Amino acid sequence: MRVLTGIAIVSLFMSSMALAADNCESMAVSKDGKPLTGAAKTASIKKCQSEAATAAPKASAACEEKAVSKDGKPLTGAAKTASIKKCEADAAAAK
C-alpha cells in the first residue's frame, strides 16, 4: 500500500512538472508582450521550471496536511490522492 501511495505522489509531482513546462512556455514573453525566441526563451523557461520545481514540494506538503476527513482523521488511498490532486490544481490556478 505504501508503494502505491508513493507511486501516486511521484506521478502527481511529475504531472505537475509537465503542466509547469507548458505554462512556462506560455509565460516566455517580453515586457512588450511579444513571444521570446532563442536563448532568451530558453533561459526564461529554465528559470520558470526551476522556480516551479522548488514550489511544487512545498505545495504538495501543504496539500498532504490538508488531506483530512470531516472528522479530522487523515485520508488514505484514493480519497487522499484525489484531495491532494485537487489542492495542487487549486494552488496552480491561484498563481
Protein backbone atom coordinates (compact mmCIF):
# COMPACT_ATOMS: atom_id res chain seq x y z
CA MET A 1 0.00 0.00 0.00
CA ARG A 2 2.85 2.35 0.82
CA VAL A 3 4.42 1.64 -2.55
CA LEU A 4 1.20 2.56 -4.34
CA THR A 5 0.89 5.76 -2.32
CA GLY A 6 4.50 6.62 -3.16
CA ILE A 7 3.90 5.96 -6.83
CA ALA A 8 0.78 8.13 -6.77
CA ILE A 9 2.64 11.01 -5.16
CA VAL A 10 5.53 10.75 -7.63
CA SER A 11 3.13 10.63 -10.58
CA LEU A 12 1.30 13.71 -9.31
CA PHE A 13 4.61 15.52 -8.95
CA MET A 14 5.67 14.54 -12.47
CA SER A 15 2.33 15.61 -13.95
CA SER A 16 2.62 18.97 -12.20
CA MET A 17 6.09 19.35 -13.74
CA ALA A 18 4.63 18.63 -17.19
CA LEU A 19 1.95 21.24 -16.64
CA ALA A 20 4.59 23.68 -15.43
CA ALA A 21 6.58 23.14 -18.64
CA ASP A 22 3.56 24.08 -20.77
CA ASN A 23 2.79 27.01 -18.51
CA CYS A 24 6.41 28.21 -18.55
CA GLU A 25 6.49 28.22 -22.33
CA SER A 26 3.35 30.34 -22.47
CA MET A 27 4.85 32.74 -19.92
CA ALA A 28 8.02 33.28 -22.00
CA VAL A 29 7.11 36.72 -23.32
CA SER A 30 8.93 40.04 -23.36
CA LYS A 31 7.85 43.15 -21.47
CA ASP A 32 6.14 44.25 -24.67
CA GLY A 33 4.05 41.09 -24.69
CA LYS A 34 5.83 39.56 -27.68
CA PRO A 35 6.95 35.91 -27.50
CA LEU A 36 10.62 35.41 -26.68
CA THR A 37 12.84 33.47 -29.09
CA GLY A 38 16.22 31.78 -28.97
CA ALA A 39 18.41 31.95 -25.88
CA ALA A 40 16.12 34.38 -24.08
CA LYS A 41 13.20 31.96 -24.39
CA THR A 42 15.33 29.02 -23.24
CA ALA A 43 16.61 30.95 -20.22
CA SER A 44 13.12 32.13 -19.30
CA ILE A 45 11.68 28.60 -19.49
CA LYS A 46 14.60 27.14 -17.49
CA LYS A 47 14.15 29.77 -14.75
CA CYS A 48 10.39 29.23 -14.63
CA GLN A 49 10.78 25.44 -14.37
CA SER A 50 13.34 25.69 -11.58
CA GLU A 51 11.02 28.02 -9.64
CA ALA A 52 8.13 25.62 -10.21
CA ALA A 53 10.23 22.67 -9.04
CA THR A 54 11.08 24.38 -5.75
CA ALA A 55 7.47 25.46 -5.21
CA ALA A 56 5.92 22.06 -6.03
CA PRO A 57 7.24 20.13 -2.99
CA LYS A 58 6.09 22.91 -0.67
CA ALA A 59 2.62 22.88 -2.20
CA SER A 60 2.49 19.09 -2.08
CA ALA A 61 3.45 19.01 1.61
CA ALA A 62 0.84 21.63 2.42
CA CYS A 63 -1.77 19.72 0.46
CA GLU A 64 -0.92 16.48 2.27
CA GLU A 65 -1.50 18.24 5.60
CA LYS A 66 -4.91 19.41 4.37
CA ALA A 67 -5.93 15.89 3.27
CA VAL A 68 -8.12 15.14 6.27
CA SER A 69 -11.69 13.94 6.58
CA LYS A 70 -14.55 15.88 8.16
CA ASP A 71 -13.78 14.01 11.37
CA GLY A 72 -10.22 15.32 11.35
CA LYS A 73 -8.69 11.95 10.53
CA PRO A 74 -6.06 11.70 7.76
CA LEU A 75 -7.39 10.49 4.41
CA THR A 76 -5.95 7.35 2.82
CA GLY A 77 -5.88 5.75 -0.61
CA ALA A 78 -7.82 7.22 -3.49
CA ALA A 79 -9.50 9.83 -1.33
CA LYS A 80 -6.12 11.20 -0.24
CA THR A 81 -4.79 11.18 -3.80
CA ALA A 82 -7.87 12.99 -5.11
CA SER A 83 -7.71 15.54 -2.31
CA ILE A 84 -4.03 16.28 -2.95
CA LYS A 85 -4.58 16.50 -6.71
CA LYS A 86 -7.44 18.98 -6.25
CA CYS A 87 -5.44 21.03 -3.76
CA GLU A 88 -2.44 21.25 -6.11
CA ALA A 89 -4.68 22.19 -9.04
CA ASP A 90 -6.30 24.93 -6.95
CA ALA A 91 -2.86 26.20 -5.90
CA ALA A 92 -1.67 26.25 -9.51
CA ALA A 93 -4.82 28.08 -10.64
CA ALA A 94 -4.35 30.70 -7.91
CA LYS A 95 -0.94 31.60 -9.34
